[in-house]
Amino acid sequence: MAFEEHTDDPGFGDGDSGPIDAAEREALHQDLHDVKTLKAVLASRGLRGVVVFCPDCDDDHYLGWDLLAGNLQQILDSGTTPVHEPAWDPDPDEYVSWEYARGFLDGYETLAEERQAFDVCSYCGSELPQSISQWTCCPYCSKDFAPLNLLIGLRRRGWTEPQILAMLEDCGFEIPTFDPEDSASPFPIDAD
């Protein structure tokens, strides 16, 4: 990763410059895309950015998603590594390592691919011709997918199964009839 190469470089944050070859430029573009995706996915979970060890300071630096994206863009635009600007009084629990963020993103993208390949209606079991996200209701049994989307969203926010089921029931939603123990189901209650 180009990000790792620049952060592992003892000159990271000192405004050093150097030529960026085509492979590194492509890696930086990918890192920039990844940071934007990570912000969209992890910010909703309360994560503000990444923590990077700085060998110059012999300390951790906490970089918010926007600052990190700006740093990567500066490297792409000028070839210079930006002077580091650590976050003011950061809460370490709100930041993850770059390795963790990349691992999360790999798993997130794999899950999305798997869901698209196996989307079925959780009410009638019919295989859907497109991803579940393309439908508001099942084209076969006409059941509304809002409860499924709510279920997944609440689970991602850390709600437990009993809390989610109680909320769905309180709102008058029909509980989706899937087996929460079936790991092949595209919508198990514990899916993230």
Protein backbone atom coordinates (compact mmCIF):
# COMPACT_ATOMS: atom_id res chain seq x y z
CA MET A 1 0.00 0.00 0.00
CA ALA A 2 1.25 3.44 -0.83
CA PHE A 3 -0.14 4.80 2.44
CA GLU A 4 1.92 2.32 4.43
CA GLU A 5 5.05 3.15 2.46
CA HIS A 6 4.69 6.84 3.29
CA THR A 7 3.80 6.33 6.95
CA ASP A 8 6.61 3.83 7.49
CA ASP A 9 9.06 6.27 5.90
CA PRO A 10 11.02 8.13 8.62
CA GLY A 11 10.40 11.31 6.62
CA PHE A 12 6.62 11.04 6.77
CA GLY A 13 5.26 14.32 7.91
CA ASP A 14 8.41 16.33 7.21
CA GLY A 15 7.32 17.67 3.83
CA ASP A 16 9.82 15.46 1.97
CA SER A 17 9.30 15.04 -1.73
CA GLY A 18 10.22 12.41 -4.18
CA PRO A 19 9.14 11.09 -7.52
CA ILE A 20 6.03 8.94 -7.52
CA ASP A 21 6.13 6.14 -10.04
CA ALA A 22 3.03 4.84 -11.85
CA ALA A 23 2.56 1.87 -9.52
CA GLU A 24 2.74 4.03 -6.41
CA ARG A 25 0.36 6.59 -7.97
CA GLU A 26 -2.15 3.82 -8.66
CA ALA A 27 -1.78 2.53 -5.09
CA LEU A 28 -2.32 6.06 -3.72
CA HIS A 29 -5.49 6.42 -5.80
CA GLN A 30 -6.71 3.10 -4.40
CA ASP A 31 -5.84 4.18 -0.85
CA LEU A 32 -7.74 7.44 -1.35
CA HIS A 33 -10.78 5.52 -2.62
CA ASP A 34 -10.48 3.13 0.34
CA VAL A 35 -10.34 6.01 2.85
CA LYS A 36 -13.52 7.51 1.42
CA THR A 37 -15.26 4.11 1.62
CA LEU A 38 -13.96 3.52 5.14
CA LYS A 39 -15.25 6.92 6.25
CA ALA A 40 -18.69 6.09 4.86
CA VAL A 41 -18.78 2.69 6.58
CA LEU A 42 -16.85 3.18 9.83
CA ALA A 43 -17.85 6.73 10.77
CA SER A 44 -21.40 5.51 11.39
CA ARG A 45 -19.89 3.08 13.91
CA GLY A 46 -18.19 5.91 15.81
CA LEU A 47 -14.73 5.47 14.31
CA ARG A 48 -13.14 8.79 13.40
CA GLY A 49 -10.03 7.64 11.52
CA VAL A 50 -6.79 5.73 11.81
CA VAL A 51 -3.91 5.71 14.24
CA VAL A 52 -0.42 5.67 12.74
CA PHE A 53 2.86 5.25 14.59
CA CYS A 54 5.25 8.10 13.81
CA PRO A 55 8.92 7.05 14.10
CA ASP A 56 10.04 10.71 14.20
CA CYS A 57 8.01 11.44 17.32
CA ASP A 58 8.07 7.89 18.63
CA ASP A 59 4.35 8.34 19.21
CA ASP A 60 0.97 7.49 17.71
CA HIS A 61 -0.75 10.03 15.47
CA TYR A 62 -4.53 10.04 15.11
CA LEU A 63 -5.67 10.99 11.63
CA GLY A 64 -9.33 11.69 10.92
CA TRP A 65 -10.78 10.38 7.65
CA ASP A 66 -10.80 13.84 6.01
CA LEU A 67 -7.25 14.65 7.12
CA LEU A 68 -6.02 11.30 5.86
CA ALA A 69 -7.77 11.79 2.51
CA GLY A 70 -6.28 15.28 2.26
CA ASN A 71 -2.79 13.95 2.99
CA LEU A 72 -3.11 11.28 0.31
CA GLN A 73 -4.43 13.85 -2.16
CA GLN A 74 -1.46 16.14 -1.40
CA ILE A 75 0.97 13.31 -2.06
CA LEU A 76 -0.78 12.66 -5.38
CA ASP A 77 -0.90 16.34 -6.36
CA SER A 78 2.55 17.50 -5.31
CA GLY A 79 4.59 14.41 -4.53
CA THR A 80 5.29 15.80 -1.06
CA THR A 81 4.35 14.15 2.18
CA PRO A 82 2.36 16.55 4.33
CA VAL A 83 3.46 17.79 7.72
CA HIS A 84 1.62 15.67 10.24
CA GLU A 85 -1.23 17.24 12.14
CA PRO A 86 -2.24 14.98 14.98
CA ALA A 87 -5.81 15.18 16.24
CA TRP A 88 -6.43 17.35 19.28
CA ASP A 89 -7.03 15.28 22.42
CA PRO A 90 -8.18 12.15 20.53
CA ASP A 91 -10.04 9.27 22.13
CA PRO A 92 -7.95 6.22 21.13
CA ASP A 93 -11.11 4.07 21.10
CA GLU A 94 -12.37 6.12 18.14
CA TYR A 95 -9.40 5.23 15.89
CA VAL A 96 -8.21 1.98 14.33
CA SER A 97 -4.94 0.91 12.75
CA TRP A 98 -4.62 1.08 8.98
CA GLU A 99 -4.23 -2.71 8.95
CA TYR A 100 -7.51 -3.13 10.84
CA ALA A 101 -9.30 -0.68 8.54
CA ARG A 102 -8.03 -2.48 5.41
CA GLY A 103 -9.02 -5.86 6.85
CA PHE A 104 -12.48 -4.54 7.69
CA LEU A 105 -12.85 -3.13 4.19
CA ASP A 106 -11.81 -6.45 2.60
CA GLY A 107 -14.41 -8.30 4.69
CA TYR A 108 -17.06 -5.66 3.99
CA GLU A 109 -16.52 -5.85 0.24
CA THR A 110 -16.52 -9.68 0.33
CA LEU A 111 -19.79 -9.70 2.29
CA ALA A 112 -21.38 -7.35 -0.25
CA GLU A 113 -20.28 -9.64 -3.10
CA GLU A 114 -21.61 -12.73 -1.31
CA ARG A 115 -24.95 -11.08 -0.59
CA GLN A 116 -25.35 -10.08 -4.22
CA ALA A 117 -24.67 -13.64 -5.32
CA PHE A 118 -27.17 -15.22 -2.89
CA ASP A 119 -30.02 -12.76 -2.43
CA VAL A 120 -33.25 -14.51 -1.63
CA CYS A 121 -36.49 -13.30 -0.10
CA SER A 122 -36.37 -13.99 3.63
CA TYR A 123 -40.15 -14.43 3.66
CA CYS A 124 -40.84 -16.81 0.77
CA GLY A 125 -37.30 -18.02 -0.08
CA SER A 126 -37.54 -17.01 -3.75
CA GLU A 127 -34.26 -16.16 -5.42
CA LEU A 128 -34.18 -12.51 -6.45
CA PRO A 129 -32.98 -11.56 -9.92
CA GLN A 130 -30.92 -8.68 -8.49
CA SER A 131 -29.40 -7.60 -5.19
CA ILE A 132 -31.86 -7.14 -2.33
CA SER A 133 -30.88 -3.47 -2.27
CA GLN A 134 -32.56 -3.09 -5.66
CA TRP A 135 -35.97 -4.04 -4.24
CA THR A 136 -38.39 -2.42 -1.81
CA CYS A 137 -40.52 -5.54 -1.69
CA CYS A 138 -40.37 -9.12 -2.93
CA PRO A 139 -41.49 -9.42 -6.57
CA TYR A 140 -42.91 -12.88 -5.76
CA CYS A 141 -44.72 -12.62 -2.40
CA SER A 142 -44.94 -8.78 -2.22
CA LYS A 143 -43.59 -8.63 1.34
CA ASP A 144 -41.97 -5.31 2.29
CA PHE A 145 -38.17 -5.42 2.74
CA ALA A 146 -38.17 -2.44 5.16
CA PRO A 147 -38.07 -4.75 8.21
CA LEU A 148 -35.01 -6.53 6.78
CA ASN A 149 -33.19 -3.27 6.13
CA LEU A 150 -34.13 -2.01 9.61
CA LEU A 151 -32.98 -5.29 11.16
CA ILE A 152 -29.58 -5.09 9.44
CA GLY A 153 -29.17 -1.40 10.30
CA LEU A 154 -29.98 -1.92 13.98
CA ARG A 155 -27.66 -4.91 14.20
CA ARG A 156 -24.83 -2.83 12.74
CA ARG A 157 -25.45 -0.29 15.49
CA GLY A 158 -24.91 -2.98 18.11
CA TRP A 159 -28.51 -3.86 19.00
CA THR A 160 -29.07 -7.40 20.33
CA GLU A 161 -31.44 -9.91 18.77
CA PRO A 162 -34.11 -9.50 21.49
CA GLN A 163 -33.95 -5.69 21.19
CA ILE A 164 -34.30 -5.84 17.41
CA LEU A 165 -37.17 -8.32 17.47
CA ALA A 166 -38.98 -6.25 20.13
CA MET A 167 -38.53 -3.09 18.03
CA LEU A 168 -39.87 -4.79 14.91
CA GLU A 169 -42.83 -6.12 16.85
CA ASP A 170 -43.51 -2.72 18.50
CA CYS A 171 -43.51 -1.08 15.06
CA GLY A 172 -45.97 -3.65 13.73
CA PHE A 173 -43.55 -5.21 11.28
CA GLU A 174 -43.91 -8.87 10.40
CA ILE A 175 -40.81 -10.66 11.65
CA PRO A 176 -38.83 -12.06 8.69
CA THR A 177 -39.03 -15.86 8.68
CA PHE A 178 -35.42 -16.81 8.31
CA ASP A 179 -33.33 -19.12 10.43
CA PRO A 180 -30.85 -17.01 12.44
CA GLU A 181 -28.62 -20.06 12.87
CA ASP A 182 -28.40 -20.64 9.11
CA SER A 183 -25.09 -19.07 8.06
CA ALA A 184 -26.03 -19.56 4.38
CA SER A 185 -28.97 -17.17 4.80
CA PRO A 186 -28.13 -13.75 3.36
CA PHE A 187 -29.85 -12.07 6.32
CA PRO A 188 -28.93 -13.85 9.53
CA ILE A 189 -29.76 -11.70 12.54
CA ASP A 190 -26.10 -11.41 13.47
CA ALA A 191 -24.88 -10.27 10.02
CA ASP A 192 -22.78 -7.13 10.06
